[in-house]
Amino acid sequence: MAGVTGRYSLGIYEKALRSSTGWEVRLAEAREAGFEFVEMSIDPSPDRLPRLDWLSADRLRFRRQVTASGIDVPSICLSAHRDHPLGSSDPERRLRGAEILGKAIELAGDIDVRVVQIAGYYTSPDDRHPDARACYVAALAAGAEQAAKAGVMLAIENVDGPDINSVTRAMEVVDEIGSPWLQVYPDIGNIAENELDTVAELTVAKGHMVALHAKDVRVGEPRRVPFGEGVVDFDLAFDTLARLGYFGRLMIEMWNDDAPDSVAATRAARSFIIERIERAELQVAS
C-alpha cells in the first residue's frame, strides 16, 4: 500500500478468508488480494482455541510459512475471552481467562506476533456484577507485566455493548494501568455503531493507537454489514487520522464464512478503503 499512501499498512482479518484452508493457502490468498498482513483470530472455537497449545514444532512451522509467504502476521485478535471473561464473577472463569491471556502472550512471543488485541468486554451479558471492571483491570495489569517481559504489546479494542464501548473508556484503563505495553486498538466501526463522535474518539487516542480496525456497521448491527451500506463515515475517520498524523496498521474486519469468492470480496473491500484514504489525503493536503 506504500504506493497508494505511505500512512498505512493494510491487512485483512483471518475470518475474511476461507477457514477450510491451511495457513499456506490463506496467506497466499491475502497476498493475491493485495494485502500486506493477516490478523490471526484466537476465538473459543475448537479450530482456533487449540492454537494456544501449539507445540514447538507447530510454532516453528507457522513461522516458516509466514516467512515463505511474504505476508506478515503481526497481531492476534484474542476473542477467546467470550467464554472465560477476565471480569467474570466466577473465580474459575476468571482464572481460565487469565490463563488464556498468558498463553496468548507466550504464543505471540514464540511466533513473532507483536500485538495481542484484547476485547473491551468486562464479562458476559449474563454475568453482570459491580466488580466486573475491577476484575478486568486487575487481569490486564497482570497481563501487561507478562507482556513487557515477552516484548509483546497488548491493545484494548472498543466494542459494542455496555463495557468499553468507546476509545475514551479504553484510554481510561490504559492510563489507570500505566504500562507502555498496554495501548489501544480503535475500531472505527464500533465508534459509529455506538453513535459516538468519531473525531473526539480518535483524537483521545493520539499517540496510543497501535493499529486500527475498519468495518462498516449499522446501529444495533456491529458485524457483517457490507462496506458502503452502513453508517460509518470513513471520509471523516480517515481525514481525522491524517490530521492526527497517524501512521500504522489498518486491518479490514470482515467475515466471509468460507465463501468461494472470499478473495474477490476482500479485494473489493480493500479498494473501497483505499479510495477513501486517498480522498482524505487529498482533502488534508489541500
Protein backbone atom coordinates (compact mmCIF):
# COMPACT_ATOMS: atom_id res chain seq x y z
CA MET A 1 0.00 0.00 0.00
CA ALA A 2 3.00 2.29 0.16
CA GLY A 3 2.36 3.07 -3.50
CA VAL A 4 -1.07 4.43 -2.60
CA THR A 5 -0.25 6.21 0.63
CA GLY A 6 2.67 5.95 2.98
CA ARG A 7 0.42 6.22 6.03
CA TYR A 8 -0.95 2.71 6.29
CA SER A 9 -0.02 -0.94 6.11
CA LEU A 10 -3.27 -2.56 5.03
CA GLY A 11 -4.26 -6.00 6.32
CA ILE A 12 -7.19 -8.40 6.42
CA TYR A 13 -8.83 -10.42 9.17
CA GLU A 14 -8.27 -14.16 9.06
CA LYS A 15 -12.04 -14.78 9.11
CA ALA A 16 -12.42 -12.91 5.83
CA LEU A 17 -10.57 -15.79 4.17
CA ARG A 18 -11.57 -19.42 3.88
CA SER A 19 -11.12 -21.22 7.18
CA SER A 20 -11.12 -24.63 5.50
CA THR A 21 -7.68 -23.95 4.06
CA GLY A 22 -4.38 -24.05 5.92
CA TRP A 23 -2.16 -21.06 6.62
CA GLU A 24 -0.13 -21.54 3.46
CA VAL A 25 -3.19 -21.06 1.25
CA ARG A 26 -4.70 -18.38 3.49
CA LEU A 27 -1.57 -16.24 3.32
CA ALA A 28 -1.30 -16.74 -0.44
CA GLU A 29 -4.90 -15.57 -0.84
CA ALA A 30 -4.21 -12.47 1.24
CA ARG A 31 -1.22 -11.66 -0.94
CA GLU A 32 -3.30 -12.26 -4.08
CA ALA A 33 -5.89 -9.77 -2.81
CA GLY A 34 -3.17 -7.14 -2.31
CA PHE A 35 -2.79 -7.14 1.47
CA GLU A 36 0.39 -6.77 3.48
CA PHE A 37 -0.67 -8.70 6.56
CA VAL A 38 -3.26 -11.03 8.09
CA GLU A 39 -4.58 -10.75 11.64
CA MET A 40 -4.87 -14.13 13.35
CA SER A 41 -8.02 -15.00 15.29
CA ILE A 42 -7.99 -16.96 18.53
CA ASP A 43 -11.63 -17.40 19.47
CA PRO A 44 -13.37 -20.04 21.64
CA SER A 45 -13.92 -22.40 18.69
CA PRO A 46 -12.38 -25.90 18.63
CA ASP A 47 -10.47 -24.90 15.49
CA ARG A 48 -8.73 -21.81 16.86
CA LEU A 49 -8.51 -22.06 20.66
CA PRO A 50 -6.06 -25.02 20.49
CA ARG A 51 -3.52 -22.72 18.83
CA LEU A 52 -2.70 -21.57 22.35
CA ASP A 53 -1.29 -25.04 22.98
CA TRP A 54 0.69 -25.43 19.77
CA LEU A 55 3.82 -27.48 20.27
CA SER A 56 7.24 -26.06 19.45
CA ALA A 57 7.13 -27.81 16.08
CA ASP A 58 3.76 -26.22 15.27
CA ARG A 59 5.08 -22.76 16.14
CA LEU A 60 8.19 -23.27 14.05
CA ARG A 61 6.13 -24.50 11.09
CA PHE A 62 3.89 -21.43 11.30
CA ARG A 63 6.86 -19.03 11.40
CA ARG A 64 8.32 -20.71 8.33
CA GLN A 65 5.01 -20.46 6.46
CA VAL A 66 4.76 -16.75 7.25
CA THR A 67 8.35 -16.14 6.16
CA ALA A 68 7.85 -18.03 2.90
CA SER A 69 4.58 -16.24 2.11
CA GLY A 70 5.86 -12.68 2.05
CA ILE A 71 2.82 -11.75 4.18
CA ASP A 72 3.15 -10.67 7.80
CA VAL A 73 1.03 -11.88 10.74
CA PRO A 74 1.72 -9.11 13.24
CA SER A 75 -1.32 -9.38 15.53
CA ILE A 76 -3.77 -11.69 17.23
CA CYS A 77 -7.44 -10.87 17.75
CA LEU A 78 -7.97 -12.62 21.10
CA SER A 79 -11.74 -13.15 21.38
CA ALA A 80 -11.47 -16.43 23.33
CA HIS A 81 -12.41 -14.48 26.46
CA ARG A 82 -16.04 -14.61 25.37
CA ASP A 83 -16.33 -17.95 27.15
CA HIS A 84 -13.94 -17.12 30.02
CA PRO A 85 -14.09 -13.35 30.58
CA LEU A 86 -11.42 -11.61 32.61
CA GLY A 87 -14.04 -9.84 34.74
CA SER A 88 -16.35 -12.77 35.45
CA SER A 89 -17.94 -13.17 38.88
CA ASP A 90 -16.88 -16.84 38.75
CA PRO A 91 -13.28 -17.24 40.03
CA GLU A 92 -12.74 -20.32 37.88
CA ARG A 93 -13.79 -18.48 34.71
CA ARG A 94 -11.52 -15.56 35.66
CA LEU A 95 -8.63 -17.95 36.25
CA ARG A 96 -9.19 -19.58 32.86
CA GLY A 97 -9.40 -16.13 31.26
CA ALA A 98 -6.06 -15.16 32.79
CA GLU A 99 -4.57 -18.45 31.59
CA ILE A 100 -5.83 -17.74 28.06
CA LEU A 101 -4.26 -14.28 28.16
CA GLY A 102 -0.96 -15.66 29.41
CA LYS A 103 -0.86 -18.37 26.77
CA ALA A 104 -1.68 -15.85 24.04
CA ILE A 105 1.23 -13.64 25.12
CA GLU A 106 3.56 -16.64 25.18
CA LEU A 107 2.37 -17.79 21.74
CA ALA A 108 2.78 -14.29 20.32
CA GLY A 109 6.36 -14.13 21.52
CA ASP A 110 7.13 -17.52 20.01
CA ILE A 111 5.62 -16.82 16.55
CA ASP A 112 6.82 -13.20 16.19
CA VAL A 113 3.41 -11.58 16.70
CA ARG A 114 3.83 -8.10 18.15
CA VAL A 115 0.28 -7.18 19.24
CA VAL A 116 -2.43 -9.10 21.10
CA GLN A 117 -5.75 -7.30 20.85
CA ILE A 118 -7.98 -7.60 23.93
CA ALA A 119 -11.72 -7.04 23.55
CA GLY A 120 -13.20 -4.47 25.91
CA TYR A 121 -15.84 -6.77 27.41
CA TYR A 122 -15.54 -6.98 31.19
CA THR A 123 -17.72 -10.07 31.40
CA SER A 124 -20.50 -11.90 29.59
CA PRO A 125 -24.02 -10.39 29.28
CA ASP A 126 -25.48 -12.94 31.71
CA ASP A 127 -22.86 -12.20 34.38
CA ARG A 128 -23.18 -8.51 35.18
CA HIS A 129 -21.81 -7.60 38.62
CA PRO A 130 -20.40 -4.47 40.30
CA ASP A 131 -16.81 -5.70 40.45
CA ALA A 132 -16.55 -6.72 36.79
CA ARG A 133 -14.47 -3.73 35.71
CA ALA A 134 -12.09 -4.01 38.68
CA CYS A 135 -11.51 -7.71 37.94
CA TYR A 136 -10.93 -6.96 34.26
CA VAL A 137 -8.44 -4.19 35.01
CA ALA A 138 -6.55 -6.32 37.54
CA ALA A 139 -6.22 -9.14 34.99
CA LEU A 140 -4.99 -6.74 32.31
CA ALA A 141 -2.47 -5.19 34.69
CA ALA A 142 -1.02 -8.64 35.39
CA GLY A 143 -1.07 -9.41 31.66
CA ALA A 144 0.78 -6.18 30.90
CA GLU A 145 3.59 -7.25 33.23
CA GLN A 146 3.93 -10.57 31.39
CA ALA A 147 3.68 -8.81 28.02
CA ALA A 148 6.52 -6.46 28.98
CA LYS A 149 8.78 -9.42 29.70
CA ALA A 150 7.85 -11.04 26.37
CA GLY A 151 8.15 -7.83 24.35
CA VAL A 152 4.53 -8.17 23.20
CA MET A 153 2.08 -5.26 23.09
CA LEU A 154 -1.45 -5.60 24.48
CA ALA A 155 -4.10 -3.33 22.99
CA ILE A 156 -7.71 -2.79 24.07
CA GLU A 157 -10.41 -2.68 21.41
CA ASN A 158 -13.51 -0.54 21.94
CA VAL A 159 -16.50 -2.84 21.49
CA ASP A 160 -20.29 -2.92 21.19
CA GLY A 161 -22.21 -3.35 24.43
CA PRO A 162 -22.07 -1.55 27.80
CA ASP A 163 -18.43 -2.05 28.83
CA ILE A 164 -15.51 -0.43 26.96
CA ASN A 165 -17.81 0.90 24.26
CA SER A 166 -15.61 3.88 23.45
CA VAL A 167 -11.96 4.65 22.84
CA THR A 168 -12.27 7.12 25.71
CA ARG A 169 -13.07 4.28 28.12
CA ALA A 170 -10.23 2.20 26.73
CA MET A 171 -7.84 5.07 27.36
CA GLU A 172 -9.08 5.33 30.96
CA VAL A 173 -7.94 1.73 31.53
CA VAL A 174 -4.63 2.38 29.74
CA ASP A 175 -3.99 5.42 31.94
CA GLU A 176 -5.04 3.55 35.10
CA ILE A 177 -2.63 0.67 34.49
CA GLY A 178 0.13 2.94 33.23
CA SER A 179 2.17 0.39 31.29
CA PRO A 180 3.76 1.22 27.92
CA TRP A 181 2.91 -2.37 26.97
CA LEU A 182 -0.84 -1.69 27.12
CA GLN A 183 -2.30 0.62 24.48
CA VAL A 184 -5.47 0.90 22.35
CA TYR A 185 -6.70 -0.68 19.12
CA PRO A 186 -9.58 1.55 17.97
CA ASP A 187 -12.39 0.04 15.93
CA ILE A 188 -13.78 2.72 13.61
CA GLY A 189 -16.97 0.73 13.05
CA ASN A 190 -17.72 0.32 16.75
CA ILE A 191 -17.36 4.07 17.28
CA ALA A 192 -20.16 4.59 14.73
CA GLU A 193 -22.28 1.68 15.99
CA ASN A 194 -22.27 3.25 19.45
CA GLU A 195 -23.20 6.63 17.90
CA LEU A 196 -20.13 8.38 19.27
CA ASP A 197 -18.16 11.36 17.96
CA THR A 198 -15.58 9.94 15.53
CA VAL A 199 -13.27 12.95 15.74
CA ALA A 200 -13.27 13.07 19.54
CA GLU A 201 -12.84 9.30 19.94
CA LEU A 202 -9.87 9.05 17.59
CA THR A 203 -8.30 12.23 18.95
CA VAL A 204 -8.29 10.95 22.55
CA ALA A 205 -6.14 8.01 21.40
CA LYS A 206 -3.46 10.08 19.68
CA GLY A 207 -0.07 8.57 20.40
CA HIS A 208 -1.58 5.36 21.79
CA MET A 209 -3.01 3.62 18.69
CA VAL A 210 -1.04 0.51 17.78
CA ALA A 211 -3.40 -0.40 14.93
CA LEU A 212 -6.96 0.21 13.70
CA HIS A 213 -9.94 -1.94 12.73
CA ALA A 214 -12.10 -0.81 9.81
CA LYS A 215 -15.55 -2.25 9.19
CA ASP A 216 -18.98 -0.93 8.27
CA VAL A 217 -21.91 -1.17 10.70
CA ARG A 218 -25.47 -0.15 11.35
CA VAL A 219 -26.70 0.90 14.79
CA GLY A 220 -27.52 -2.35 16.57
CA GLU A 221 -25.73 -4.32 13.84
CA PRO A 222 -21.97 -4.28 14.54
CA ARG A 223 -20.98 -7.12 12.20
CA ARG A 224 -21.40 -8.37 8.64
CA VAL A 225 -22.57 -5.09 7.11
CA PRO A 226 -21.15 -4.72 3.56
CA PHE A 227 -18.82 -1.77 3.08
CA GLY A 228 -20.75 1.25 1.87
CA GLU A 229 -24.10 0.02 3.19
CA GLY A 230 -23.69 1.12 6.80
CA VAL A 231 -23.40 4.33 8.79
CA VAL A 232 -19.61 4.64 9.16
CA ASP A 233 -18.30 7.98 7.89
CA PHE A 234 -14.98 6.70 6.55
CA ASP A 235 -14.15 10.05 4.95
CA LEU A 236 -14.36 11.74 8.35
CA ALA A 237 -12.41 8.96 10.06
CA PHE A 238 -9.52 8.98 7.59
CA ASP A 239 -9.50 12.78 7.45
CA THR A 240 -9.18 12.82 11.25
CA LEU A 241 -6.42 10.20 11.24
CA ALA A 242 -4.49 12.14 8.62
CA ARG A 243 -4.76 15.34 10.65
CA LEU A 244 -3.66 13.48 13.78
CA GLY A 245 -0.59 12.25 11.90
CA TYR A 246 -1.41 8.58 12.32
CA PHE A 247 0.93 6.14 10.61
CA GLY A 248 0.47 2.40 11.13
CA ARG A 249 -1.55 -0.72 10.53
CA LEU A 250 -5.15 -0.71 9.36
CA MET A 251 -6.95 -4.05 9.43
CA ILE A 252 -10.13 -4.62 7.42
CA GLU A 253 -12.52 -6.64 9.53
CA MET A 254 -14.99 -8.80 7.64
CA TRP A 255 -16.40 -12.32 7.73
CA ASN A 256 -16.83 -14.42 4.60
CA ASP A 257 -17.66 -17.84 6.09
CA ASP A 258 -15.78 -19.93 3.55
CA ALA A 259 -17.46 -18.15 0.64
CA PRO A 260 -15.85 -19.30 -2.63
CA ASP A 261 -15.45 -15.67 -3.69
CA SER A 262 -13.71 -14.56 -0.49
CA VAL A 263 -10.61 -13.31 -2.31
CA ALA A 264 -12.72 -11.16 -4.63
CA ALA A 265 -14.72 -9.84 -1.67
CA THR A 266 -11.61 -8.87 0.27
CA ARG A 267 -10.09 -7.25 -2.81
CA ALA A 268 -13.26 -5.16 -3.26
CA ALA A 269 -13.16 -4.12 0.41
CA ARG A 270 -9.53 -3.11 0.03
CA SER A 271 -10.37 -0.93 -2.98
CA PHE A 272 -13.24 0.68 -1.06
CA ILE A 273 -10.96 1.61 1.84
CA ILE A 274 -8.08 2.79 -0.36
CA GLU A 275 -10.41 5.11 -2.28
CA ARG A 276 -11.48 6.79 0.95
CA ILE A 277 -7.94 7.02 2.30
CA GLU A 278 -6.80 8.70 -0.91
CA ARG A 279 -9.74 11.10 -0.77
CA ALA A 280 -8.90 12.06 2.82
CA GLU A 281 -5.22 12.52 1.94
CA LEU A 282 -6.14 14.89 -0.89
CA GLN A 283 -8.51 16.79 1.38
CA VAL A 284 -5.88 17.28 4.08
CA ALA A 285 -3.21 18.22 1.53
CA SER A 286 -5.44 20.93 0.09
